[in-house]
Amino acid sequence: MCRVYINADPILYESRTRSLRIHGVITTVRLENLFWDVLHEIAARENMTTSQFAVQLYDELIALRGELPTNFASFLRVCCLRYLSMRTEKDVDEPGAVPGPMAAASASAVASEAKPRILKTV
């Protein structure tokens, strides 16, 4: 079973740092390549660049929470995992399952249907 995980291409878990300009301020975000790939996939679905999508997530997070994110890189990783989880549950890859860009209405509908994850501490 572990071979499925340990045989992953090392390039996938190498980290890459990108600079993002968020409202005129340049900040750097360091993520593993696989997460950048998933963010790129989500952004493409939304007809955005990866940078534009990250800035939109940042803005929407502030609008929702009313405060700056404490760990934006971790937030982006969680977004990727939630996207992959919803894609698996909803078969998003099937034609017609989710139209082109996930519009705000459909995205909120998907989010409201998403099952909350219960954290288990070990």
C-alpha atoms as a PDB file:
ATOM      1  CA  MET A   1       0.000   0.000   0.000  1.00  0.00           C
ATOM      2  CA  CYS A   2       2.716   2.485   0.874  1.00  0.00           C
ATOM      3  CA  ARG A   3       4.288   2.081  -2.573  1.00  0.00           C
ATOM      4  CA  VAL A   4       1.437   4.154  -4.003  1.00  0.00           C
ATOM      5  CA  TYR A   5       2.724   7.037  -1.901  1.00  0.00           C
ATOM      6  CA  ILE A   6       6.471   6.430  -1.801  1.00  0.00           C
ATOM      7  CA  ASN A   7       6.735   6.028  -5.562  1.00  0.00           C
ATOM      8  CA  ALA A   8       5.612   9.627  -6.097  1.00  0.00           C
ATOM      9  CA  ASP A   9       7.918  11.641  -8.322  1.00  0.00           C
ATOM     10  CA  PRO A  10      10.167  13.707  -5.995  1.00  0.00           C
ATOM     11  CA  ILE A  11       9.490  16.807  -8.102  1.00  0.00           C
ATOM     12  CA  LEU A  12       5.919  16.735  -6.737  1.00  0.00           C
ATOM     13  CA  TYR A  13       7.002  17.309  -3.156  1.00  0.00           C
ATOM     14  CA  GLU A  14       9.819  19.731  -3.867  1.00  0.00           C
ATOM     15  CA  SER A  15       8.921  23.235  -2.754  1.00  0.00           C
ATOM     16  CA  ARG A  16       8.731  26.246  -4.995  1.00  0.00           C
ATOM     17  CA  THR A  17       8.458  29.854  -3.857  1.00  0.00           C
ATOM     18  CA  ARG A  18       6.401  32.306  -5.873  1.00  0.00           C
ATOM     19  CA  SER A  19       5.968  36.009  -5.422  1.00  0.00           C
ATOM     20  CA  LEU A  20       2.440  37.368  -5.402  1.00  0.00           C
ATOM     21  CA  ARG A  21       1.448  41.014  -5.564  1.00  0.00           C
ATOM     22  CA  ILE A  22      -1.492  41.510  -3.246  1.00  0.00           C
ATOM     23  CA  HIS A  23      -2.818  45.055  -3.448  1.00  0.00           C
ATOM     24  CA  GLY A  24       0.598  46.462  -4.282  1.00  0.00           C
ATOM     25  CA  VAL A  25       2.466  44.480  -1.632  1.00  0.00           C
ATOM     26  CA  ILE A  26       4.733  41.688  -2.807  1.00  0.00           C
ATOM     27  CA  THR A  27       4.599  38.585  -0.668  1.00  0.00           C
ATOM     28  CA  THR A  28       6.122  35.172  -1.202  1.00  0.00           C
ATOM     29  CA  VAL A  29       4.343  31.860  -0.849  1.00  0.00           C
ATOM     30  CA  ARG A  30       6.205  28.571  -0.612  1.00  0.00           C
ATOM     31  CA  LEU A  31       4.279  25.434  -1.595  1.00  0.00           C
ATOM     32  CA  GLU A  32       5.117  21.988  -2.869  1.00  0.00           C
ATOM     33  CA  ASN A  33       4.934  21.677  -6.664  1.00  0.00           C
ATOM     34  CA  LEU A  34       1.876  19.438  -6.506  1.00  0.00           C
ATOM     35  CA  PHE A  35      -0.085  22.165  -4.700  1.00  0.00           C
ATOM     36  CA  TRP A  36       0.967  24.750  -7.301  1.00  0.00           C
ATOM     37  CA  ASP A  37      -0.255  22.354  -9.995  1.00  0.00           C
ATOM     38  CA  VAL A  38      -3.649  21.964  -8.306  1.00  0.00           C
ATOM     39  CA  LEU A  39      -3.968  25.730  -7.813  1.00  0.00           C
ATOM     40  CA  HIS A  40      -3.168  26.171 -11.509  1.00  0.00           C
ATOM     41  CA  GLU A  41      -5.910  23.665 -12.397  1.00  0.00           C
ATOM     42  CA  ILE A  42      -8.473  25.470 -10.216  1.00  0.00           C
ATOM     43  CA  ALA A  43      -7.453  28.868 -11.588  1.00  0.00           C
ATOM     44  CA  ALA A  44      -7.770  27.614 -15.158  1.00  0.00           C
ATOM     45  CA  ARG A  45     -11.327  26.451 -14.400  1.00  0.00           C
ATOM     46  CA  GLU A  46     -12.041  29.977 -13.192  1.00  0.00           C
ATOM     47  CA  ASN A  47     -10.396  31.532 -16.292  1.00  0.00           C
ATOM     48  CA  MET A  48      -7.691  33.156 -14.150  1.00  0.00           C
ATOM     49  CA  THR A  49      -3.977  32.934 -13.684  1.00  0.00           C
ATOM     50  CA  THR A  50      -2.741  31.190 -10.569  1.00  0.00           C
ATOM     51  CA  SER A  51      -1.697  34.543  -9.114  1.00  0.00           C
ATOM     52  CA  GLN A  52      -5.082  36.129  -9.814  1.00  0.00           C
ATOM     53  CA  PHE A  53      -6.825  33.177  -8.204  1.00  0.00           C
ATOM     54  CA  ALA A  54      -4.617  33.303  -5.098  1.00  0.00           C
ATOM     55  CA  VAL A  55      -5.317  37.028  -4.695  1.00  0.00           C
ATOM     56  CA  GLN A  56      -9.055  36.408  -5.080  1.00  0.00           C
ATOM     57  CA  LEU A  57      -8.907  33.723  -2.380  1.00  0.00           C
ATOM     58  CA  TYR A  58      -6.990  36.136  -0.154  1.00  0.00           C
ATOM     59  CA  ASP A  59      -9.581  38.887  -0.660  1.00  0.00           C
ATOM     60  CA  GLU A  60     -12.537  36.565  -0.108  1.00  0.00           C
ATOM     61  CA  LEU A  61     -10.955  35.137   3.033  1.00  0.00           C
ATOM     62  CA  ILE A  62     -10.502  38.630   4.476  1.00  0.00           C
ATOM     63  CA  ALA A  63     -14.069  39.571   3.499  1.00  0.00           C
ATOM     64  CA  LEU A  64     -15.412  36.454   5.237  1.00  0.00           C
ATOM     65  CA  ARG A  65     -13.206  36.426   8.344  1.00  0.00           C
ATOM     66  CA  GLY A  66     -12.518  40.141   8.709  1.00  0.00           C
ATOM     67  CA  GLU A  67      -8.824  39.570   9.401  1.00  0.00           C
ATOM     68  CA  LEU A  68      -5.621  38.753   7.586  1.00  0.00           C
ATOM     69  CA  PRO A  69      -4.842  35.056   7.190  1.00  0.00           C
ATOM     70  CA  THR A  70      -2.250  33.873   9.702  1.00  0.00           C
ATOM     71  CA  ASN A  71      -0.795  31.230   7.404  1.00  0.00           C
ATOM     72  CA  PHE A  72      -1.794  31.815   3.794  1.00  0.00           C
ATOM     73  CA  ALA A  73       0.319  28.926   2.459  1.00  0.00           C
ATOM     74  CA  SER A  74      -1.492  26.456   4.728  1.00  0.00           C
ATOM     75  CA  PHE A  75      -4.818  27.961   3.671  1.00  0.00           C
ATOM     76  CA  LEU A  76      -3.903  27.386   0.008  1.00  0.00           C
ATOM     77  CA  ARG A  77      -2.963  23.768   0.735  1.00  0.00           C
ATOM     78  CA  VAL A  78      -6.318  23.195   2.429  1.00  0.00           C
ATOM     79  CA  CYS A  79      -8.091  24.799  -0.557  1.00  0.00           C
ATOM     80  CA  CYS A  80      -6.325  22.347  -2.868  1.00  0.00           C
ATOM     81  CA  LEU A  81      -7.271  19.360  -0.737  1.00  0.00           C
ATOM     82  CA  ARG A  82     -10.892  20.514  -0.494  1.00  0.00           C
ATOM     83  CA  TYR A  83     -11.012  20.978  -4.271  1.00  0.00           C
ATOM     84  CA  LEU A  84      -9.614  17.491  -4.873  1.00  0.00           C
ATOM     85  CA  SER A  85     -12.001  16.021  -2.336  1.00  0.00           C
ATOM     86  CA  MET A  86     -15.030  17.743  -3.897  1.00  0.00           C
ATOM     87  CA  ARG A  87     -13.831  16.809  -7.376  1.00  0.00           C
ATOM     88  CA  THR A  88     -13.670  13.175  -6.338  1.00  0.00           C
ATOM     89  CA  GLU A  89     -17.072  13.262  -4.613  1.00  0.00           C
ATOM     90  CA  LYS A  90     -18.823  15.124  -7.436  1.00  0.00           C
ATOM     91  CA  ASP A  91     -16.907  13.671 -10.399  1.00  0.00           C
ATOM     92  CA  VAL A  92     -16.100  17.222 -11.502  1.00  0.00           C
ATOM     93  CA  ASP A  93     -13.973  15.920 -14.369  1.00  0.00           C
ATOM     94  CA  GLU A  94     -16.989  14.444 -16.149  1.00  0.00           C
ATOM     95  CA  PRO A  95     -18.236  16.720 -18.926  1.00  0.00           C
ATOM     96  CA  GLY A  96     -21.206  18.753 -17.765  1.00  0.00           C
ATOM     97  CA  ALA A  97     -20.774  17.838 -14.089  1.00  0.00           C
ATOM     98  CA  VAL A  98     -19.698  21.349 -13.132  1.00  0.00           C
ATOM     99  CA  PRO A  99     -19.910  24.037 -15.785  1.00  0.00           C
ATOM    100  CA  GLY A 100     -16.699  25.799 -16.882  1.00  0.00           C
ATOM    101  CA  PRO A 101     -15.786  28.248 -14.181  1.00  0.00           C
ATOM    102  CA  MET A 102     -17.466  27.495 -10.901  1.00  0.00           C
ATOM    103  CA  ALA A 103     -19.609  30.625 -10.607  1.00  0.00           C
ATOM    104  CA  ALA A 104     -20.109  32.157  -7.174  1.00  0.00           C
ATOM    105  CA  ALA A 105     -23.582  30.655  -6.897  1.00  0.00           C
ATOM    106  CA  SER A 106     -22.496  27.132  -7.836  1.00  0.00           C
ATOM    107  CA  ALA A 107     -19.318  27.397  -5.758  1.00  0.00           C
ATOM    108  CA  SER A 108     -21.311  28.375  -2.677  1.00  0.00           C
ATOM    109  CA  ALA A 109     -23.771  25.566  -3.376  1.00  0.00           C
ATOM    110  CA  VAL A 110     -20.913  23.074  -3.608  1.00  0.00           C
ATOM    111  CA  ALA A 111     -19.378  24.500  -0.440  1.00  0.00           C
ATOM    112  CA  SER A 112     -22.659  24.233   1.461  1.00  0.00           C
ATOM    113  CA  GLU A 113     -23.030  20.589   0.382  1.00  0.00           C
ATOM    114  CA  ALA A 114     -19.444  19.731   1.340  1.00  0.00           C
ATOM    115  CA  LYS A 115     -19.235  17.515   4.373  1.00  0.00           C
ATOM    116  CA  PRO A 116     -17.281  19.128   7.202  1.00  0.00           C
ATOM    117  CA  ARG A 117     -14.073  17.344   8.036  1.00  0.00           C
ATOM    118  CA  ILE A 118     -13.628  16.268  11.625  1.00  0.00           C
ATOM    119  CA  LEU A 119     -10.064  16.563  12.810  1.00  0.00           C
ATOM    120  CA  LYS A 120      -8.736  13.601  14.686  1.00  0.00           C
ATOM    121  CA  THR A 121      -5.779  14.201  16.925  1.00  0.00           C
ATOM    122  CA  VAL A 122      -3.319  11.428  17.431  1.00  0.00           C
END
